[in-house]
């Protein structure tokens, strides 16, 4: 279990969280929370890196399902609650933070029935929520 906040994996996630330029250059994004990570895996995303706290995830049914999935994935490491808190960008982390590659046109085309929302240079994070809710209503 990763218990040091000086661990290179923790530093990597913090670096990506702190620099949109680095995320764009490396074509990576950071996911936080049970729902986002589970949905990314369901959509076929390959996690480049994930840190998770087994005790936190074990507290809910959704967390337990994700915990079972993460335990089988490469590059997924158990970590202390403190490490997750340092790596995450949210005020109250849910026990998992992950890094995944941006989807490519090829991966999107492989799922022709999937709804795709592409966001580029969004200035206000609140707009992302609005766009996602609008897309969800149209797909439902």
N, C-alpha and C. Protein backbone atom coordinates (compact mmCIF):
# COMPACT_ATOMS: atom_id res chain seq x y z
N UNK A 1 0.85 -1.18 0.00
CA UNK A 1 0.00 0.00 0.00
C UNK A 1 0.90 1.25 0.00
N UNK A 2 0.55 2.18 -0.86
CA UNK A 2 1.30 3.44 -0.92
C UNK A 2 0.88 4.30 0.27
N UNK A 3 1.84 4.68 1.09
CA UNK A 3 1.53 5.48 2.27
C UNK A 3 2.29 6.81 2.28
N UNK A 4 3.20 6.99 1.35
CA UNK A 4 3.99 8.22 1.30
C UNK A 4 3.44 9.19 0.26
N UNK A 5 3.24 10.43 0.66
CA UNK A 5 2.77 11.44 -0.28
C UNK A 5 3.89 11.87 -1.24
N UNK A 6 5.12 11.42 -0.97
CA UNK A 6 6.25 11.71 -1.85
C UNK A 6 6.42 10.63 -2.92
N UNK A 7 5.52 9.65 -2.95
CA UNK A 7 5.58 8.58 -3.95
C UNK A 7 5.47 9.18 -5.35
N UNK A 8 6.24 8.64 -6.33
CA UNK A 8 6.19 9.19 -7.70
C UNK A 8 4.80 9.15 -8.34
N UNK A 9 3.98 8.15 -7.99
CA UNK A 9 2.62 8.09 -8.55
C UNK A 9 1.76 9.25 -8.03
N UNK A 10 1.92 9.56 -6.77
CA UNK A 10 1.19 10.68 -6.17
C UNK A 10 1.64 11.99 -6.81
N UNK A 11 2.94 12.14 -6.95
CA UNK A 11 3.48 13.35 -7.59
C UNK A 11 2.98 13.49 -9.02
N UNK A 12 2.89 12.37 -9.72
CA UNK A 12 2.44 12.38 -11.12
C UNK A 12 1.00 12.89 -11.22
N UNK A 13 0.13 12.37 -10.38
CA UNK A 13 -1.27 12.79 -10.41
C UNK A 13 -1.40 14.25 -10.01
N UNK A 14 -0.67 14.66 -8.98
CA UNK A 14 -0.71 16.07 -8.56
C UNK A 14 -0.23 16.99 -9.67
N UNK A 15 0.80 16.56 -10.37
CA UNK A 15 1.33 17.36 -11.47
C UNK A 15 0.28 17.53 -12.57
N UNK A 16 -0.40 16.45 -12.92
CA UNK A 16 -1.44 16.53 -13.94
C UNK A 16 -2.62 17.38 -13.47
N UNK A 17 -3.00 17.22 -12.21
CA UNK A 17 -4.09 18.03 -11.66
C UNK A 17 -3.76 19.51 -11.70
N UNK A 18 -2.50 19.84 -11.51
CA UNK A 18 -2.09 21.23 -11.41
C UNK A 18 -1.76 21.91 -12.72
N UNK A 19 -1.72 21.16 -13.84
CA UNK A 19 -1.28 21.77 -15.08
C UNK A 19 -2.11 21.31 -16.28
N UNK A 20 -2.97 22.18 -16.74
CA UNK A 20 -3.76 21.85 -17.93
C UNK A 20 -2.85 21.72 -19.14
N UNK A 21 -1.77 22.48 -19.15
CA UNK A 21 -0.80 22.40 -20.26
C UNK A 21 -0.20 20.99 -20.32
N UNK A 22 0.16 20.45 -19.18
CA UNK A 22 0.73 19.09 -19.14
C UNK A 22 -0.31 18.05 -19.55
N UNK A 23 -1.55 18.22 -19.08
CA UNK A 23 -2.61 17.27 -19.48
C UNK A 23 -2.82 17.29 -20.99
N UNK A 24 -2.84 18.48 -21.58
CA UNK A 24 -3.01 18.58 -23.04
C UNK A 24 -1.81 17.99 -23.77
N UNK A 25 -0.61 18.31 -23.32
CA UNK A 25 0.60 17.82 -23.98
C UNK A 25 0.65 16.29 -23.96
N UNK A 26 0.28 15.71 -22.84
CA UNK A 26 0.35 14.25 -22.71
C UNK A 26 -0.95 13.55 -23.08
N UNK A 27 -1.98 14.36 -23.38
CA UNK A 27 -3.28 13.83 -23.77
C UNK A 27 -3.83 12.86 -22.71
N UNK A 28 -3.79 13.34 -21.47
CA UNK A 28 -4.26 12.57 -20.33
C UNK A 28 -5.27 13.40 -19.55
N UNK A 29 -6.13 12.73 -18.81
CA UNK A 29 -7.02 13.44 -17.91
C UNK A 29 -7.12 12.69 -16.60
N UNK A 30 -7.49 13.41 -15.56
CA UNK A 30 -7.58 12.86 -14.21
C UNK A 30 -9.05 12.64 -13.88
N UNK A 31 -9.34 11.46 -13.35
CA UNK A 31 -10.69 11.10 -12.92
C UNK A 31 -10.69 10.95 -11.41
N UNK A 32 -11.71 11.47 -10.77
CA UNK A 32 -11.83 11.31 -9.32
C UNK A 32 -13.23 10.83 -9.00
N UNK A 33 -13.31 9.87 -8.10
CA UNK A 33 -14.59 9.39 -7.63
C UNK A 33 -15.00 8.06 -8.23
N UNK A 34 -15.81 7.37 -7.47
CA UNK A 34 -16.25 6.02 -7.84
C UNK A 34 -16.99 6.03 -9.17
N UNK A 35 -17.95 6.91 -9.31
CA UNK A 35 -18.78 6.92 -10.52
C UNK A 35 -17.97 7.21 -11.78
N UNK A 36 -17.14 8.24 -11.75
CA UNK A 36 -16.36 8.60 -12.95
C UNK A 36 -15.40 7.49 -13.36
N UNK A 37 -14.70 6.92 -12.39
CA UNK A 37 -13.74 5.86 -12.72
C UNK A 37 -14.48 4.62 -13.22
N UNK A 38 -15.58 4.26 -12.57
CA UNK A 38 -16.35 3.08 -13.00
C UNK A 38 -16.90 3.29 -14.41
N UNK A 39 -17.42 4.48 -14.70
CA UNK A 39 -17.96 4.74 -16.04
C UNK A 39 -16.86 4.75 -17.09
N UNK A 40 -15.69 5.25 -16.75
CA UNK A 40 -14.58 5.22 -17.70
C UNK A 40 -14.20 3.78 -18.04
N UNK A 41 -14.13 2.94 -17.03
CA UNK A 41 -13.80 1.53 -17.27
C UNK A 41 -14.88 0.84 -18.09
N UNK A 42 -16.13 1.13 -17.79
CA UNK A 42 -17.25 0.56 -18.56
C UNK A 42 -17.19 1.00 -20.02
N UNK A 43 -16.72 2.23 -20.25
CA UNK A 43 -16.62 2.75 -21.61
C UNK A 43 -15.39 2.23 -22.35
N UNK A 44 -14.58 1.43 -21.66
CA UNK A 44 -13.42 0.84 -22.31
C UNK A 44 -12.13 1.60 -22.14
N UNK A 45 -12.11 2.58 -21.25
CA UNK A 45 -10.88 3.34 -21.02
C UNK A 45 -9.83 2.46 -20.35
N UNK A 46 -8.60 2.69 -20.72
CA UNK A 46 -7.49 2.02 -20.06
C UNK A 46 -6.87 3.01 -19.09
N UNK A 47 -6.83 2.63 -17.84
CA UNK A 47 -6.26 3.51 -16.84
C UNK A 47 -4.74 3.46 -16.93
N UNK A 48 -4.13 4.61 -17.05
CA UNK A 48 -2.67 4.70 -17.06
C UNK A 48 -2.13 4.54 -15.64
N UNK A 49 -2.94 4.98 -14.67
CA UNK A 49 -2.54 4.95 -13.27
C UNK A 49 -3.80 5.14 -12.43
N UNK A 50 -3.89 4.42 -11.33
CA UNK A 50 -4.99 4.64 -10.38
C UNK A 50 -4.49 4.38 -8.97
N UNK A 51 -4.92 5.22 -8.07
CA UNK A 51 -4.68 5.03 -6.65
C UNK A 51 -6.04 4.89 -5.99
N UNK A 52 -6.18 3.91 -5.11
CA UNK A 52 -7.47 3.70 -4.46
C UNK A 52 -7.26 3.28 -3.01
N UNK A 53 -8.22 3.64 -2.19
CA UNK A 53 -8.18 3.27 -0.79
C UNK A 53 -9.22 2.17 -0.57
N UNK A 54 -8.78 0.93 -0.33
CA UNK A 54 -9.71 -0.18 -0.19
C UNK A 54 -10.77 0.04 0.89
N UNK A 55 -10.40 0.63 2.02
CA UNK A 55 -11.36 0.83 3.10
C UNK A 55 -12.46 1.80 2.69
N UNK A 56 -12.10 2.89 2.02
CA UNK A 56 -13.11 3.84 1.57
C UNK A 56 -14.02 3.22 0.52
N UNK A 57 -13.45 2.51 -0.44
CA UNK A 57 -14.27 1.92 -1.49
C UNK A 57 -15.17 0.81 -0.96
N UNK A 58 -14.73 0.12 0.06
CA UNK A 58 -15.49 -0.99 0.61
C UNK A 58 -16.75 -0.54 1.35
N UNK A 59 -16.91 0.76 1.55
CA UNK A 59 -18.04 1.26 2.33
C UNK A 59 -19.35 1.38 1.54
N UNK A 60 -19.31 1.23 0.22
CA UNK A 60 -20.54 1.29 -0.59
C UNK A 60 -20.55 0.14 -1.60
N UNK A 61 -21.73 -0.20 -2.07
CA UNK A 61 -21.84 -1.28 -3.07
C UNK A 61 -21.11 -0.91 -4.36
N UNK A 62 -21.27 0.33 -4.81
CA UNK A 62 -20.60 0.77 -6.03
C UNK A 62 -19.09 0.75 -5.83
N UNK A 63 -18.64 1.16 -4.66
CA UNK A 63 -17.22 1.15 -4.34
C UNK A 63 -16.66 -0.26 -4.30
N UNK A 64 -17.44 -1.19 -3.76
CA UNK A 64 -17.01 -2.59 -3.70
C UNK A 64 -16.85 -3.18 -5.10
N UNK A 65 -17.78 -2.85 -5.98
CA UNK A 65 -17.70 -3.35 -7.36
C UNK A 65 -16.46 -2.77 -8.05
N UNK A 66 -16.22 -1.49 -7.85
CA UNK A 66 -15.05 -0.85 -8.44
C UNK A 66 -13.77 -1.43 -7.85
N UNK A 67 -13.75 -1.66 -6.56
CA UNK A 67 -12.59 -2.23 -5.89
C UNK A 67 -12.22 -3.58 -6.49
N UNK A 68 -13.21 -4.42 -6.74
CA UNK A 68 -12.96 -5.73 -7.35
C UNK A 68 -12.36 -5.57 -8.74
N UNK A 69 -12.85 -4.57 -9.49
CA UNK A 69 -12.35 -4.33 -10.85
C UNK A 69 -10.93 -3.77 -10.82
N UNK A 70 -10.66 -2.82 -9.94
CA UNK A 70 -9.34 -2.20 -9.87
C UNK A 70 -8.27 -3.20 -9.45
N UNK A 71 -8.64 -4.12 -8.58
CA UNK A 71 -7.67 -5.11 -8.09
C UNK A 71 -7.13 -5.98 -9.22
N UNK A 72 -7.87 -6.07 -10.34
CA UNK A 72 -7.46 -6.89 -11.48
C UNK A 72 -6.75 -6.09 -12.57
N UNK A 73 -6.70 -4.78 -12.43
CA UNK A 73 -6.13 -3.90 -13.45
C UNK A 73 -4.64 -3.65 -13.20
N UNK A 74 -3.86 -3.54 -14.27
CA UNK A 74 -2.46 -3.12 -14.07
C UNK A 74 -2.41 -1.63 -13.72
N UNK A 75 -1.34 -1.21 -13.11
CA UNK A 75 -1.10 0.20 -12.78
C UNK A 75 -2.12 0.78 -11.80
N UNK A 76 -2.76 -0.07 -11.02
CA UNK A 76 -3.71 0.37 -10.00
C UNK A 76 -3.16 -0.06 -8.64
N UNK A 77 -3.01 0.91 -7.75
CA UNK A 77 -2.31 0.66 -6.49
C UNK A 77 -3.15 1.08 -5.29
N UNK A 78 -3.23 0.22 -4.28
CA UNK A 78 -3.89 0.64 -3.04
C UNK A 78 -3.06 1.73 -2.37
N UNK A 79 -3.75 2.65 -1.74
CA UNK A 79 -3.07 3.78 -1.10
C UNK A 79 -3.84 4.19 0.15
N UNK A 80 -3.14 4.85 1.04
CA UNK A 80 -3.79 5.30 2.27
C UNK A 80 -4.77 6.43 1.95
N UNK A 81 -5.67 6.66 2.89
CA UNK A 81 -6.66 7.73 2.72
C UNK A 81 -5.95 9.08 2.60
N UNK A 82 -4.87 9.27 3.34
CA UNK A 82 -4.11 10.53 3.28
C UNK A 82 -3.49 10.72 1.89
N UNK A 83 -2.95 9.66 1.32
CA UNK A 83 -2.35 9.74 -0.01
C UNK A 83 -3.41 10.11 -1.04
N UNK A 84 -4.58 9.49 -0.95
CA UNK A 84 -5.68 9.82 -1.88
C UNK A 84 -6.05 11.29 -1.72
N UNK A 85 -6.12 11.75 -0.48
CA UNK A 85 -6.48 13.13 -0.22
C UNK A 85 -5.48 14.11 -0.83
N UNK A 86 -4.20 13.77 -0.78
CA UNK A 86 -3.16 14.63 -1.36
C UNK A 86 -3.19 14.58 -2.89
N UNK A 87 -3.43 13.41 -3.45
CA UNK A 87 -3.43 13.25 -4.91
C UNK A 87 -4.67 13.87 -5.55
N UNK A 88 -5.79 13.81 -4.86
CA UNK A 88 -7.06 14.28 -5.43
C UNK A 88 -7.15 15.80 -5.42
N UNK A 89 -7.98 16.31 -6.30
CA UNK A 89 -8.21 17.75 -6.40
C UNK A 89 -9.49 18.15 -5.69
N UNK A 90 -10.32 17.18 -5.31
CA UNK A 90 -11.58 17.46 -4.66
C UNK A 90 -11.38 17.66 -3.16
N UNK A 91 -12.31 18.35 -2.53
CA UNK A 91 -12.22 18.62 -1.10
C UNK A 91 -12.44 17.35 -0.29
N UNK A 92 -13.40 16.53 -0.71
CA UNK A 92 -13.71 15.28 -0.01
C UNK A 92 -13.59 14.12 -0.98
N UNK A 93 -12.41 13.56 -1.16
CA UNK A 93 -12.22 12.47 -2.13
C UNK A 93 -13.01 11.21 -1.74
N UNK A 94 -13.44 10.46 -2.75
CA UNK A 94 -14.24 9.26 -2.55
C UNK A 94 -13.40 7.99 -2.46
N UNK A 95 -12.08 8.12 -2.46
CA UNK A 95 -11.25 6.94 -2.29
C UNK A 95 -10.62 6.42 -3.56
N UNK A 96 -10.76 7.14 -4.66
CA UNK A 96 -10.12 6.70 -5.90
C UNK A 96 -9.81 7.91 -6.78
N UNK A 97 -8.61 7.90 -7.34
CA UNK A 97 -8.20 8.92 -8.30
C UNK A 97 -7.41 8.19 -9.38
N UNK A 98 -7.69 8.50 -10.64
CA UNK A 98 -7.09 7.76 -11.75
C UNK A 98 -6.70 8.69 -12.88
N UNK A 99 -5.82 8.19 -13.73
CA UNK A 99 -5.38 8.91 -14.92
C UNK A 99 -5.67 8.02 -16.13
N UNK A 100 -6.27 8.61 -17.16
CA UNK A 100 -6.57 7.87 -18.39
C UNK A 100 -6.20 8.72 -19.60
N UNK A 101 -5.99 8.05 -20.71
CA UNK A 101 -5.67 8.74 -21.96
C UNK A 101 -6.93 9.31 -22.58
N UNK A 102 -6.78 10.43 -23.28
CA UNK A 102 -7.90 10.97 -24.02
C UNK A 102 -8.36 9.94 -25.04
N UNK A 103 -9.66 9.84 -25.25
CA UNK A 103 -10.12 8.92 -26.30
C UNK A 103 -9.69 9.44 -27.67
N UNK A 104 -9.38 8.53 -28.54
CA UNK A 104 -9.00 8.90 -29.91
C UNK A 104 -10.21 8.72 -30.82
N UNK A 105 -10.11 9.25 -32.02
CA UNK A 105 -11.20 9.08 -32.99
C UNK A 105 -11.45 7.60 -33.25
N UNK A 106 -10.40 6.81 -33.26
CA UNK A 106 -10.55 5.37 -33.50
C UNK A 106 -11.33 4.69 -32.38
N UNK A 107 -11.05 5.06 -31.13
CA UNK A 107 -11.78 4.42 -30.04
C UNK A 107 -13.23 4.88 -30.00
N UNK A 108 -13.48 6.11 -30.38
CA UNK A 108 -14.86 6.60 -30.43
C UNK A 108 -15.61 5.93 -31.57
N UNK A 109 -14.97 5.79 -32.73
CA UNK A 109 -15.61 5.16 -33.88
C UNK A 109 -15.92 3.69 -33.63
N UNK A 110 -15.15 3.07 -32.76
CA UNK A 110 -15.39 1.66 -32.45
C UNK A 110 -16.68 1.45 -31.68
N UNK A 111 -17.24 2.51 -31.15
CA UNK A 111 -18.50 2.45 -30.41
C UNK A 111 -19.53 3.33 -31.11
N UNK A 112 -20.04 2.90 -32.27
CA UNK A 112 -20.92 3.77 -33.06
C UNK A 112 -22.22 4.14 -32.37
N UNK A 113 -22.67 3.37 -31.41
CA UNK A 113 -23.92 3.71 -30.75
C UNK A 113 -23.72 4.65 -29.57
N UNK A 114 -22.48 4.94 -29.25
CA UNK A 114 -22.18 5.79 -28.10
C UNK A 114 -22.41 7.26 -28.43
N UNK A 115 -22.97 7.97 -27.47
CA UNK A 115 -23.10 9.41 -27.57
C UNK A 115 -21.76 10.02 -27.22
N UNK A 116 -21.32 10.97 -28.00
CA UNK A 116 -20.01 11.57 -27.77
C UNK A 116 -20.17 13.08 -27.63
N UNK A 117 -19.63 13.61 -26.56
CA UNK A 117 -19.61 15.04 -26.33
C UNK A 117 -18.16 15.47 -26.27
N UNK A 118 -17.75 16.33 -27.18
CA UNK A 118 -16.36 16.77 -27.24
C UNK A 118 -16.30 18.20 -26.72
N UNK A 119 -15.43 18.41 -25.72
CA UNK A 119 -15.25 19.73 -25.14
C UNK A 119 -13.83 20.19 -25.42
N UNK A 120 -13.70 21.42 -25.85
CA UNK A 120 -12.38 21.95 -26.16
C UNK A 120 -12.25 23.33 -25.55
N UNK A 121 -11.24 23.54 -24.78
CA UNK A 121 -10.89 24.83 -24.18
C UNK A 121 -12.06 25.44 -23.40
N UNK A 122 -12.69 24.64 -22.57
CA UNK A 122 -13.77 25.13 -21.72
C UNK A 122 -13.16 26.00 -20.63
N UNK A 123 -13.64 27.22 -20.51
CA UNK A 123 -13.08 28.17 -19.56
C UNK A 123 -13.69 28.04 -18.16
N UNK A 124 -14.97 27.73 -18.09
CA UNK A 124 -15.68 27.67 -16.82
C UNK A 124 -16.10 26.23 -16.54
N UNK A 125 -15.58 25.61 -15.47
CA UNK A 125 -15.95 24.23 -15.17
C UNK A 125 -17.45 24.03 -14.98
N UNK A 126 -18.15 25.07 -14.56
CA UNK A 126 -19.60 24.97 -14.41
C UNK A 126 -20.29 24.69 -15.75
N UNK A 127 -19.70 25.17 -16.83
CA UNK A 127 -20.27 24.91 -18.15
C UNK A 127 -20.20 23.43 -18.51
N UNK A 128 -19.18 22.74 -18.02
CA UNK A 128 -19.04 21.31 -18.31
C UNK A 128 -20.23 20.56 -17.73
N UNK A 129 -20.60 20.87 -16.49
CA UNK A 129 -21.75 20.23 -15.87
C UNK A 129 -23.02 20.48 -16.66
N UNK A 130 -23.22 21.69 -17.11
CA UNK A 130 -24.40 22.03 -17.90
C UNK A 130 -24.42 21.24 -19.20
N UNK A 131 -23.28 21.17 -19.87
CA UNK A 131 -23.20 20.42 -21.13
C UNK A 131 -23.48 18.93 -20.90
N UNK A 132 -22.93 18.38 -19.83
CA UNK A 132 -23.15 16.96 -19.54
C UNK A 132 -24.62 16.68 -19.23
N UNK A 133 -25.24 17.53 -18.44
CA UNK A 133 -26.67 17.34 -18.14
C UNK A 133 -27.52 17.44 -19.41
N UNK A 134 -27.19 18.38 -20.27
CA UNK A 134 -27.92 18.52 -21.55
C UNK A 134 -27.74 17.28 -22.41
N UNK A 135 -26.52 16.78 -22.49
CA UNK A 135 -26.26 15.58 -23.29
C UNK A 135 -26.99 14.38 -22.71
N UNK A 136 -27.04 14.29 -21.39
CA UNK A 136 -27.71 13.15 -20.76
C UNK A 136 -29.21 13.17 -21.06
N UNK A 137 -29.82 14.35 -21.04
CA UNK A 137 -31.26 14.47 -21.36
C UNK A 137 -31.53 14.04 -22.80
N UNK A 138 -30.64 14.41 -23.73
CA UNK A 138 -30.85 14.09 -25.13
C UNK A 138 -30.66 12.59 -25.38
N UNK A 139 -29.79 11.93 -24.58
CA UNK A 139 -29.55 10.51 -24.81
C UNK A 139 -30.58 9.64 -24.13
N UNK A 140 -31.25 10.20 -23.12
CA UNK A 140 -32.21 9.42 -22.32
C UNK A 140 -33.49 9.30 -23.02
